[in-house]
Amino acid sequence: MGEEFTIASFRDVADGLQAGQFDVGDRKKAASLDDLDPIYKQLLDKPVVMVLAVIGADGRPGLTPMWFDYEDDHILVNTAEQRPKCKWIRNNPQLTSLLLNPENPYHWVSIKSTVVEEVLEDDDPSVTTQLDKIWTKYTGEEPPYALRDPSIDEKRVLFKCRIDRIATFGKP
């Protein structure tokens, strides 16, 4: 199990109007992603594209739609080392991920996390294995991952991130 974090559940209007709607309704401590209500955990397990927020070179958030993965209680961010986003993550390892239900945008989970480990593809074959896993999750195709930039010797980096806080909203 990872470190303890907070899950903040926002009040929504899925079951009608209520006092304090859109405010945090309750907070609970969690020790694992297994503590997440199944209606939100499903967003992590399905091929839902996340929006990853990182702080860019100009100090403003940069948003990138990406494939989402986790292992145990770590969020996994796999990116090409040559991309600016990789440098931005190294400069400010605090990330926010948003998974929005594609069938209902008022059902989402947001995860704030901090990079605790960086793994280079040249040093550890698990980076490629994880990339192949999410390739299959999102495309339904067999490995290997088939979107490497053919104009360069693309190298991948896997950032393992500790969960700091989760916010949830809505119902499927």
C-alpha atoms as a PDB file:
ATOM      1  CA  MET A   1       0.000   0.000   0.000  1.00  0.00           C
ATOM      2  CA  GLY A   2       1.064   3.566  -0.717  1.00  0.00           C
ATOM      3  CA  GLU A   3       0.937   6.618   1.457  1.00  0.00           C
ATOM      4  CA  GLU A   4      -2.376   7.855   2.775  1.00  0.00           C
ATOM      5  CA  PHE A   5      -4.210  10.459   0.689  1.00  0.00           C
ATOM      6  CA  THR A   6      -7.550  12.276   0.754  1.00  0.00           C
ATOM      7  CA  ILE A   7     -10.546  11.590  -1.463  1.00  0.00           C
ATOM      8  CA  ALA A   8     -12.797  14.654  -1.700  1.00  0.00           C
ATOM      9  CA  SER A   9     -16.255  13.946  -3.103  1.00  0.00           C
ATOM     10  CA  PHE A  10     -18.037  16.912  -4.597  1.00  0.00           C
ATOM     11  CA  ARG A  11     -21.790  17.267  -4.247  1.00  0.00           C
ATOM     12  CA  ASP A  12     -23.421  16.955  -7.633  1.00  0.00           C
ATOM     13  CA  VAL A  13     -26.939  17.283  -8.981  1.00  0.00           C
ATOM     14  CA  ALA A  14     -27.231  13.754 -10.416  1.00  0.00           C
ATOM     15  CA  ASP A  15     -30.107  13.045  -8.030  1.00  0.00           C
ATOM     16  CA  GLY A  16     -31.546  16.579  -8.049  1.00  0.00           C
ATOM     17  CA  LEU A  17     -30.771  19.951  -6.513  1.00  0.00           C
ATOM     18  CA  GLN A  18     -29.266  20.083  -3.049  1.00  0.00           C
ATOM     19  CA  ALA A  19     -27.901  22.637  -0.630  1.00  0.00           C
ATOM     20  CA  GLY A  20     -24.210  23.289  -1.164  1.00  0.00           C
ATOM     21  CA  GLN A  21     -24.204  21.661  -4.582  1.00  0.00           C
ATOM     22  CA  PHE A  22     -20.827  21.703  -6.336  1.00  0.00           C
ATOM     23  CA  ASP A  23     -19.050  22.062  -2.976  1.00  0.00           C
ATOM     24  CA  VAL A  24     -17.043  19.257  -1.407  1.00  0.00           C
ATOM     25  CA  GLY A  25     -19.597  17.064   0.339  1.00  0.00           C
ATOM     26  CA  ASP A  26     -17.229  14.870   2.259  1.00  0.00           C
ATOM     27  CA  ARG A  27     -13.593  13.969   2.594  1.00  0.00           C
ATOM     28  CA  LYS A  28     -12.184  10.642   3.586  1.00  0.00           C
ATOM     29  CA  LYS A  29      -8.707   9.283   4.066  1.00  0.00           C
ATOM     30  CA  ALA A  30      -7.636   6.466   1.799  1.00  0.00           C
ATOM     31  CA  ALA A  31      -4.635   4.177   1.793  1.00  0.00           C
ATOM     32  CA  SER A  32      -5.171   2.646  -1.643  1.00  0.00           C
ATOM     33  CA  LEU A  33      -6.954   3.126  -4.956  1.00  0.00           C
ATOM     34  CA  ASP A  34      -9.055   0.169  -3.811  1.00  0.00           C
ATOM     35  CA  ASP A  35     -10.696   2.645  -1.399  1.00  0.00           C
ATOM     36  CA  LEU A  36     -12.077   4.597  -4.364  1.00  0.00           C
ATOM     37  CA  ASP A  37     -15.804   4.122  -4.963  1.00  0.00           C
ATOM     38  CA  PRO A  38     -16.270   1.679  -7.885  1.00  0.00           C
ATOM     39  CA  ILE A  39     -18.190   4.285  -9.914  1.00  0.00           C
ATOM     40  CA  TYR A  40     -14.955   6.301 -10.077  1.00  0.00           C
ATOM     41  CA  LYS A  41     -12.491   3.409 -10.126  1.00  0.00           C
ATOM     42  CA  GLN A  42     -14.066   2.242 -13.389  1.00  0.00           C
ATOM     43  CA  LEU A  43     -12.818   5.430 -15.053  1.00  0.00           C
ATOM     44  CA  LEU A  44      -9.256   4.368 -14.200  1.00  0.00           C
ATOM     45  CA  ASP A  45      -9.760   0.871 -15.589  1.00  0.00           C
ATOM     46  CA  LYS A  46     -11.587   1.693 -18.819  1.00  0.00           C
ATOM     47  CA  PRO A  47      -9.797   3.242 -21.823  1.00  0.00           C
ATOM     48  CA  VAL A  48     -10.750   6.771 -20.747  1.00  0.00           C
ATOM     49  CA  VAL A  49      -8.315   9.392 -22.010  1.00  0.00           C
ATOM     50  CA  MET A  50      -6.933  11.559 -19.232  1.00  0.00           C
ATOM     51  CA  VAL A  51      -6.030  15.208 -19.494  1.00  0.00           C
ATOM     52  CA  LEU A  52      -2.625  15.644 -17.871  1.00  0.00           C
ATOM     53  CA  ALA A  53      -1.772  19.075 -16.472  1.00  0.00           C
ATOM     54  CA  VAL A  54       1.865  20.031 -16.002  1.00  0.00           C
ATOM     55  CA  ILE A  55       3.472  23.432 -15.524  1.00  0.00           C
ATOM     56  CA  GLY A  56       5.067  24.550 -18.787  1.00  0.00           C
ATOM     57  CA  ALA A  57       8.149  26.671 -19.432  1.00  0.00           C
ATOM     58  CA  ASP A  58       6.037  29.850 -19.335  1.00  0.00           C
ATOM     59  CA  GLY A  59       4.676  29.011 -15.866  1.00  0.00           C
ATOM     60  CA  ARG A  60       1.181  28.222 -17.099  1.00  0.00           C
ATOM     61  CA  PRO A  61      -0.467  24.803 -17.041  1.00  0.00           C
ATOM     62  CA  GLY A  62       0.044  22.733 -20.154  1.00  0.00           C
ATOM     63  CA  LEU A  63      -2.762  20.273 -20.836  1.00  0.00           C
ATOM     64  CA  THR A  64      -2.234  17.073 -22.794  1.00  0.00           C
ATOM     65  CA  PRO A  65      -4.725  14.309 -23.569  1.00  0.00           C
ATOM     66  CA  MET A  66      -2.962  11.021 -22.803  1.00  0.00           C
ATOM     67  CA  TRP A  67      -3.526   7.364 -22.135  1.00  0.00           C
ATOM     68  CA  PHE A  68      -3.945   6.609 -18.439  1.00  0.00           C
ATOM     69  CA  ASP A  69      -2.422   3.803 -16.426  1.00  0.00           C
ATOM     70  CA  TYR A  70      -1.685   2.957 -12.836  1.00  0.00           C
ATOM     71  CA  GLU A  71       0.037   0.181 -10.977  1.00  0.00           C
ATOM     72  CA  ASP A  72      -0.587  -0.585  -7.350  1.00  0.00           C
ATOM     73  CA  ASP A  73      -1.115   2.908  -5.945  1.00  0.00           C
ATOM     74  CA  HIS A  74       1.044   4.847  -8.395  1.00  0.00           C
ATOM     75  CA  ILE A  75      -0.124   6.812 -11.410  1.00  0.00           C
ATOM     76  CA  LEU A  76       2.066   5.974 -14.421  1.00  0.00           C
ATOM     77  CA  VAL A  77       2.935   8.598 -17.010  1.00  0.00           C
ATOM     78  CA  ASN A  78       4.773   7.212 -20.030  1.00  0.00           C
ATOM     79  CA  THR A  79       6.044   9.804 -22.498  1.00  0.00           C
ATOM     80  CA  ALA A  80       8.760  10.302 -25.080  1.00  0.00           C
ATOM     81  CA  GLU A  81      11.873  11.825 -23.541  1.00  0.00           C
ATOM     82  CA  GLN A  82      12.227  14.218 -26.476  1.00  0.00           C
ATOM     83  CA  ARG A  83       8.909  15.954 -25.815  1.00  0.00           C
ATOM     84  CA  PRO A  84       8.797  19.295 -23.941  1.00  0.00           C
ATOM     85  CA  LYS A  85       6.332  17.750 -21.467  1.00  0.00           C
ATOM     86  CA  CYS A  86       9.094  15.446 -20.203  1.00  0.00           C
ATOM     87  CA  LYS A  87      11.306  18.411 -19.329  1.00  0.00           C
ATOM     88  CA  TRP A  88       8.382  20.214 -17.720  1.00  0.00           C
ATOM     89  CA  ILE A  89       7.642  17.194 -15.517  1.00  0.00           C
ATOM     90  CA  ARG A  90      11.282  17.047 -14.472  1.00  0.00           C
ATOM     91  CA  ASN A  91      11.237  20.765 -13.627  1.00  0.00           C
ATOM     92  CA  ASN A  92       7.994  20.554 -11.646  1.00  0.00           C
ATOM     93  CA  PRO A  93       7.056  16.975 -10.701  1.00  0.00           C
ATOM     94  CA  GLN A  94       3.597  17.844  -9.392  1.00  0.00           C
ATOM     95  CA  LEU A  95       0.943  16.673 -11.838  1.00  0.00           C
ATOM     96  CA  THR A  96      -2.829  16.684 -12.100  1.00  0.00           C
ATOM     97  CA  SER A  97      -4.817  14.146 -14.113  1.00  0.00           C
ATOM     98  CA  LEU A  98      -8.469  14.469 -15.071  1.00  0.00           C
ATOM     99  CA  LEU A  99     -10.465  11.480 -16.303  1.00  0.00           C
ATOM    100  CA  LEU A 100     -13.801  12.585 -17.732  1.00  0.00           C
ATOM    101  CA  ASN A 101     -16.439   9.979 -18.508  1.00  0.00           C
ATOM    102  CA  PRO A 102     -16.890  10.237 -22.317  1.00  0.00           C
ATOM    103  CA  GLU A 103     -20.571   9.295 -21.903  1.00  0.00           C
ATOM    104  CA  ASN A 104     -21.245  11.869 -19.160  1.00  0.00           C
ATOM    105  CA  PRO A 105     -18.873  14.814 -18.661  1.00  0.00           C
ATOM    106  CA  TYR A 106     -20.432  15.434 -15.245  1.00  0.00           C
ATOM    107  CA  HIS A 107     -18.902  12.192 -13.972  1.00  0.00           C
ATOM    108  CA  TRP A 108     -15.164  12.552 -13.419  1.00  0.00           C
ATOM    109  CA  VAL A 109     -12.186  11.898 -11.195  1.00  0.00           C
ATOM    110  CA  SER A 110      -9.228  14.231 -10.724  1.00  0.00           C
ATOM    111  CA  ILE A 111      -5.931  12.992  -9.275  1.00  0.00           C
ATOM    112  CA  LYS A 112      -3.155  15.198  -7.945  1.00  0.00           C
ATOM    113  CA  SER A 113       0.146  13.362  -7.813  1.00  0.00           C
ATOM    114  CA  THR A 114       3.893  13.824  -7.385  1.00  0.00           C
ATOM    115  CA  VAL A 115       6.612  12.008  -9.305  1.00  0.00           C
ATOM    116  CA  VAL A 116       8.540   9.697  -6.982  1.00  0.00           C
ATOM    117  CA  GLU A 117      10.518   7.752  -9.557  1.00  0.00           C
ATOM    118  CA  GLU A 118      11.711   8.232 -13.133  1.00  0.00           C
ATOM    119  CA  VAL A 119      12.535   5.122 -15.149  1.00  0.00           C
ATOM    120  CA  LEU A 120      14.316   5.311 -18.516  1.00  0.00           C
ATOM    121  CA  GLU A 121      13.470   2.829 -21.244  1.00  0.00           C
ATOM    122  CA  ASP A 122      17.157   2.117 -21.928  1.00  0.00           C
ATOM    123  CA  ASP A 123      17.625   1.137 -18.272  1.00  0.00           C
ATOM    124  CA  ASP A 124      14.512  -0.949 -17.681  1.00  0.00           C
ATOM    125  CA  PRO A 125      12.447  -3.005 -20.155  1.00  0.00           C
ATOM    126  CA  SER A 126       9.363  -2.543 -17.944  1.00  0.00           C
ATOM    127  CA  VAL A 127       8.946   0.920 -19.537  1.00  0.00           C
ATOM    128  CA  THR A 128       8.370  -0.710 -22.939  1.00  0.00           C
ATOM    129  CA  THR A 129       6.170  -3.403 -21.399  1.00  0.00           C
ATOM    130  CA  GLN A 130       3.967  -0.767 -19.772  1.00  0.00           C
ATOM    131  CA  LEU A 131       3.759   1.193 -23.054  1.00  0.00           C
ATOM    132  CA  ASP A 132       2.678  -1.963 -24.883  1.00  0.00           C
ATOM    133  CA  LYS A 133       0.058  -2.606 -22.175  1.00  0.00           C
ATOM    134  CA  ILE A 134      -1.605   0.797 -22.601  1.00  0.00           C
ATOM    135  CA  TRP A 135      -1.300   0.508 -26.395  1.00  0.00           C
ATOM    136  CA  THR A 136      -3.490  -2.604 -26.190  1.00  0.00           C
ATOM    137  CA  LYS A 137      -5.839  -1.021 -23.605  1.00  0.00           C
ATOM    138  CA  TYR A 138      -6.567   1.987 -25.827  1.00  0.00           C
ATOM    139  CA  THR A 139      -6.337   0.535 -29.343  1.00  0.00           C
ATOM    140  CA  GLY A 140      -7.280  -3.110 -28.836  1.00  0.00           C
ATOM    141  CA  GLU A 141      -4.263  -4.032 -30.965  1.00  0.00           C
ATOM    142  CA  GLU A 142      -1.468  -6.413 -30.087  1.00  0.00           C
ATOM    143  CA  PRO A 143       1.940  -5.035 -29.084  1.00  0.00           C
ATOM    144  CA  PRO A 144       4.274  -3.518 -29.899  1.00  0.00           C
ATOM    145  CA  TYR A 145       3.286   0.124 -29.519  1.00  0.00           C
ATOM    146  CA  ALA A 146       3.149   1.433 -33.075  1.00  0.00           C
ATOM    147  CA  LEU A 147       3.263   5.228 -32.720  1.00  0.00           C
ATOM    148  CA  ARG A 148       6.970   5.877 -32.176  1.00  0.00           C
ATOM    149  CA  ASP A 149       8.249   8.877 -34.107  1.00  0.00           C
ATOM    150  CA  PRO A 150      10.013   7.352 -37.137  1.00  0.00           C
ATOM    151  CA  SER A 151      12.212  10.428 -37.670  1.00  0.00           C
ATOM    152  CA  ILE A 152      14.108  10.022 -34.379  1.00  0.00           C
ATOM    153  CA  ASP A 153      15.369   7.323 -32.053  1.00  0.00           C
ATOM    154  CA  GLU A 154      12.426   7.828 -29.701  1.00  0.00           C
ATOM    155  CA  LYS A 155      13.183   6.924 -26.088  1.00  0.00           C
ATOM    156  CA  ARG A 156      10.467   6.579 -23.486  1.00  0.00           C
ATOM    157  CA  VAL A 157      10.395   7.689 -19.861  1.00  0.00           C
ATOM    158  CA  LEU A 158       8.050   6.303 -17.233  1.00  0.00           C
ATOM    159  CA  PHE A 159       7.201   8.595 -14.340  1.00  0.00           C
ATOM    160  CA  LYS A 160       5.798   6.791 -11.302  1.00  0.00           C
ATOM    161  CA  CYS A 161       3.676   9.171  -9.264  1.00  0.00           C
ATOM    162  CA  ARG A 162       2.459   9.039  -5.660  1.00  0.00           C
ATOM    163  CA  ILE A 163      -1.184   9.993  -5.226  1.00  0.00           C
ATOM    164  CA  ASP A 164      -1.555  13.144  -3.122  1.00  0.00           C
ATOM    165  CA  ARG A 165      -5.278  13.813  -3.438  1.00  0.00           C
ATOM    166  CA  ILE A 166      -8.303  12.653  -5.407  1.00  0.00           C
ATOM    167  CA  ALA A 167     -11.490  14.570  -6.186  1.00  0.00           C
ATOM    168  CA  THR A 168     -14.629  12.898  -7.522  1.00  0.00           C
ATOM    169  CA  PHE A 169     -17.816  14.209  -9.082  1.00  0.00           C
ATOM    170  CA  GLY A 170     -21.072  12.851 -10.434  1.00  0.00           C
ATOM    171  CA  LYS A 171     -22.431   9.487 -11.409  1.00  0.00           C
ATOM    172  CA  PRO A 172     -22.102   7.443 -14.604  1.00  0.00           C
END
